[in-house]
Amino acid sequence: MAFTRKDYLRSHLVIHRKEKPHECKTCGKAFVKKQYLIEHSVTHLGIKLHVCEICNKTFSRNSNLKEHYRLHTNEKPYVCERCGKAFASKDNLGRRLLIHTNAKAHVCEICSKSFSKKSSLKLHFLIHANEKYHSCETCGKFFRVKGNLQRHYASHTSEKPYGCDFCGKTFKTNHSLKCHFQTHSKEKQRM
């Protein structure tokens, strides 16, 4: 990329150094260029200077208006290199790329299920909205049923409270004891 002036080159290099020297005094968000900060500052004032000539929708930033126009023109300049699907915005292309990489950065804190989209996680979370959860104080794992949590606690101790009446062998869970009983019933069938 060529620049006609040194100050243009300097302001461009800031992008590569990941520097954001222009900080908003209202919310603390930082920007690479002063112009971006100025455009952002207008959003705090609630002023929307950019108006769509087709539907009269207003925007605080000209870049948002340009992106909005693509909805009316059906222009999709951002093309996915992997599948060829075209998008009207860079954000939508970015979300598509996440699908191809199987990146699932949004994880449910309750059940650990992961999602590639934040909106999918929010929708999933509605499943848990009316449920009560009991969490293990040792490892933080969640259980819907309090009894399951109590059985889980045994995994953190060496205690084996369930004993076999036939051979005296002990187990951490009642389920393990029941499975063990089957070995005795097979022995009786052989006799």
Protein backbone atom coordinates (compact mmCIF):
# COMPACT_ATOMS: atom_id res chain seq x y z
CA MET A 1 0.00 0.00 0.00
CA ALA A 2 1.42 3.42 -0.97
CA PHE A 3 0.89 6.71 0.87
CA THR A 4 1.28 10.23 -0.50
CA ARG A 5 2.14 11.76 2.87
CA LYS A 6 4.18 10.59 5.88
CA ASP A 7 1.40 11.38 8.35
CA TYR A 8 -0.95 9.08 6.38
CA LEU A 9 1.63 6.31 6.69
CA ARG A 10 2.05 6.98 10.43
CA SER A 11 -1.69 6.82 11.07
CA HIS A 12 -1.90 3.59 9.03
CA LEU A 13 0.94 1.93 10.96
CA VAL A 14 -1.02 2.40 14.19
CA ILE A 15 -3.47 -0.21 12.86
CA HIS A 16 -0.72 -2.84 12.57
CA ARG A 17 0.67 -2.07 16.03
CA LYS A 18 -2.83 -2.59 17.47
CA GLU A 19 -2.57 0.80 19.19
CA LYS A 20 -5.76 2.63 20.08
CA PRO A 21 -4.62 6.02 21.37
CA HIS A 22 -7.98 7.83 21.06
CA GLU A 23 -10.20 7.00 24.05
CA CYS A 24 -13.83 8.01 24.61
CA LYS A 25 -14.18 9.98 27.85
CA THR A 26 -17.79 8.80 28.27
CA CYS A 27 -17.46 5.01 28.01
CA GLY A 28 -13.71 4.32 27.78
CA LYS A 29 -13.84 2.64 24.36
CA ALA A 30 -10.60 3.23 22.41
CA PHE A 31 -10.06 3.82 18.70
CA VAL A 32 -7.23 3.67 16.19
CA LYS A 33 -8.11 6.99 14.53
CA LYS A 34 -9.38 10.26 15.96
CA GLN A 35 -12.09 10.33 13.26
CA TYR A 36 -13.48 7.04 14.61
CA LEU A 37 -13.61 8.53 18.11
CA ILE A 38 -15.47 11.59 16.82
CA GLU A 39 -18.02 9.42 15.01
CA HIS A 40 -18.41 7.27 18.13
CA SER A 41 -18.86 10.27 20.44
CA VAL A 42 -21.98 11.28 18.54
CA THR A 43 -23.65 8.01 19.61
CA HIS A 44 -23.60 9.19 23.24
CA LEU A 45 -25.50 12.31 22.27
CA GLY A 46 -28.25 10.34 20.57
CA ILE A 47 -27.78 12.39 17.41
CA LYS A 48 -28.23 10.52 14.16
CA LEU A 49 -27.01 12.66 11.29
CA HIS A 50 -27.04 10.09 8.50
CA VAL A 51 -30.48 9.38 6.99
CA CYS A 52 -31.38 6.63 4.53
CA GLU A 53 -33.03 8.26 1.50
CA ILE A 54 -35.06 5.12 0.84
CA CYS A 55 -36.63 4.30 4.23
CA ASN A 56 -35.67 7.34 6.39
CA LYS A 57 -33.89 5.21 9.00
CA THR A 58 -31.20 7.24 10.78
CA PHE A 59 -27.65 6.34 11.77
CA SER A 60 -25.00 8.00 13.90
CA ARG A 61 -22.19 6.84 11.60
CA ASN A 62 -21.89 7.14 7.84
CA SER A 63 -20.32 3.67 7.63
CA ASN A 64 -23.47 2.20 9.23
CA LEU A 65 -25.64 4.01 6.66
CA LYS A 66 -23.52 2.64 3.81
CA GLU A 67 -23.88 -0.87 5.20
CA HIS A 68 -27.63 -0.32 5.60
CA TYR A 69 -27.98 0.71 1.94
CA ARG A 70 -26.81 -2.76 0.98
CA LEU A 71 -30.09 -4.12 2.35
CA HIS A 72 -31.95 -2.07 -0.26
CA THR A 73 -29.56 -2.81 -3.13
CA ASN A 74 -28.90 -6.45 -2.14
CA GLU A 75 -25.19 -5.74 -2.62
CA LYS A 76 -22.99 -8.34 -0.94
CA PRO A 77 -19.33 -7.38 -1.39
CA TYR A 78 -17.89 -9.66 1.31
CA VAL A 79 -17.40 -13.19 -0.02
CA CYS A 80 -16.38 -16.21 2.04
CA GLU A 81 -13.27 -17.78 0.52
CA ARG A 82 -14.24 -21.22 1.81
CA CYS A 83 -17.81 -21.60 0.53
CA GLY A 84 -18.37 -18.65 -1.81
CA LYS A 85 -21.36 -17.29 0.12
CA ALA A 86 -21.62 -13.47 -0.07
CA PHE A 87 -22.52 -11.06 2.75
CA ALA A 88 -23.51 -7.41 3.07
CA SER A 89 -21.26 -6.78 6.10
CA LYS A 90 -17.84 -7.76 7.41
CA ASP A 91 -19.45 -8.84 10.69
CA ASN A 92 -21.66 -11.39 8.92
CA LEU A 93 -18.66 -12.70 6.97
CA GLY A 94 -16.74 -13.03 10.23
CA ARG A 95 -19.56 -15.07 11.78
CA ARG A 96 -19.54 -17.32 8.71
CA LEU A 97 -15.80 -17.94 9.08
CA LEU A 98 -16.39 -19.03 12.68
CA ILE A 99 -18.77 -21.69 11.39
CA HIS A 100 -16.08 -23.04 9.05
CA THR A 101 -13.48 -23.21 11.81
CA ASN A 102 -15.94 -24.81 14.25
CA ALA A 103 -14.92 -22.15 16.76
CA LYS A 104 -17.39 -22.20 19.64
CA ALA A 105 -16.24 -19.41 21.89
CA HIS A 106 -19.53 -18.86 23.73
CA VAL A 107 -19.93 -21.40 26.55
CA CYS A 108 -22.96 -21.92 28.80
CA GLU A 109 -21.87 -21.48 32.44
CA ILE A 110 -24.49 -23.97 33.60
CA CYS A 111 -24.11 -26.99 31.32
CA SER A 112 -20.84 -26.19 29.46
CA LYS A 113 -22.46 -26.50 26.02
CA SER A 114 -20.67 -24.23 23.54
CA PHE A 115 -21.91 -22.12 20.64
CA SER A 116 -20.31 -20.23 17.75
CA LYS A 117 -22.78 -17.33 18.07
CA LYS A 118 -23.51 -15.27 21.16
CA SER A 119 -27.15 -15.08 20.10
CA SER A 120 -27.34 -18.90 20.07
CA LEU A 121 -25.97 -18.99 23.63
CA LYS A 122 -28.59 -16.45 24.75
CA LEU A 123 -31.34 -18.50 23.16
CA HIS A 124 -29.99 -21.69 24.77
CA PHE A 125 -29.84 -19.99 28.16
CA LEU A 126 -33.65 -19.64 28.10
CA ILE A 127 -33.78 -23.41 28.63
CA HIS A 128 -32.15 -22.89 32.00
CA ALA A 129 -34.12 -19.76 32.97
CA ASN A 130 -36.74 -21.46 35.16
CA GLU A 131 -34.57 -24.27 36.45
CA LYS A 132 -32.99 -24.42 39.88
CA TYR A 133 -29.44 -25.60 40.10
CA HIS A 134 -27.32 -27.06 42.84
CA SER A 135 -23.58 -26.66 42.45
CA CYS A 136 -20.75 -28.72 43.90
CA GLU A 137 -18.69 -26.63 46.31
CA THR A 138 -15.58 -28.62 45.40
CA CYS A 139 -15.54 -28.55 41.59
CA GLY A 140 -18.39 -26.17 40.64
CA LYS A 141 -20.31 -28.73 38.57
CA PHE A 142 -24.08 -28.05 38.36
CA PHE A 143 -26.91 -30.52 39.03
CA ARG A 144 -30.64 -30.05 38.48
CA VAL A 145 -31.57 -32.57 41.16
CA LYS A 146 -30.19 -32.13 44.66
CA GLY A 147 -29.91 -35.91 45.10
CA ASN A 148 -27.58 -36.10 42.10
CA LEU A 149 -25.35 -33.48 43.71
CA GLN A 150 -25.24 -35.49 46.94
CA ARG A 151 -24.25 -38.64 45.02
CA HIS A 152 -21.63 -36.60 43.16
CA TYR A 153 -19.99 -35.52 46.42
CA ALA A 154 -18.88 -39.14 46.89
CA SER A 155 -16.57 -38.74 43.89
CA HIS A 156 -14.51 -36.25 45.91
CA THR A 157 -14.09 -38.53 48.94
CA SER A 158 -12.83 -42.03 49.61
CA GLU A 159 -16.06 -42.85 51.47
CA LYS A 160 -17.94 -45.95 50.25
CA PRO A 161 -21.22 -46.04 52.19
CA TYR A 162 -23.00 -48.71 50.11
CA GLY A 163 -22.13 -52.28 51.16
CA CYS A 164 -22.98 -55.67 49.63
CA ASP A 165 -24.84 -57.97 52.06
CA PHE A 166 -23.44 -61.08 50.34
CA CYS A 167 -19.70 -60.40 50.14
CA GLY A 168 -19.14 -57.19 52.11
CA LYS A 169 -17.64 -55.25 49.20
CA THR A 170 -18.34 -51.47 49.44
CA PHE A 171 -19.21 -48.87 46.79
CA LYS A 172 -19.40 -45.09 46.45
CA THR A 173 -22.87 -45.08 44.89
CA ASN A 174 -26.06 -47.09 45.22
CA HIS A 175 -26.04 -47.54 41.43
CA SER A 176 -22.61 -49.24 41.61
CA LEU A 177 -23.92 -51.53 44.36
CA LYS A 178 -26.95 -52.49 42.24
CA CYS A 179 -24.68 -53.33 39.30
CA HIS A 180 -22.56 -55.43 41.66
CA PHE A 181 -25.66 -57.37 42.83
CA GLN A 182 -26.05 -58.68 39.28
CA THR A 183 -22.77 -60.58 39.61
CA HIS A 184 -24.23 -62.46 42.60
CA SER A 185 -27.46 -63.27 40.76
CA LYS A 186 -25.39 -64.72 37.87
CA GLU A 187 -23.48 -66.87 40.39
CA LYS A 188 -26.77 -68.25 41.77
CA GLN A 189 -27.97 -69.09 38.26
CA ARG A 190 -24.80 -71.14 37.61
CA MET A 191 -25.36 -73.27 40.74
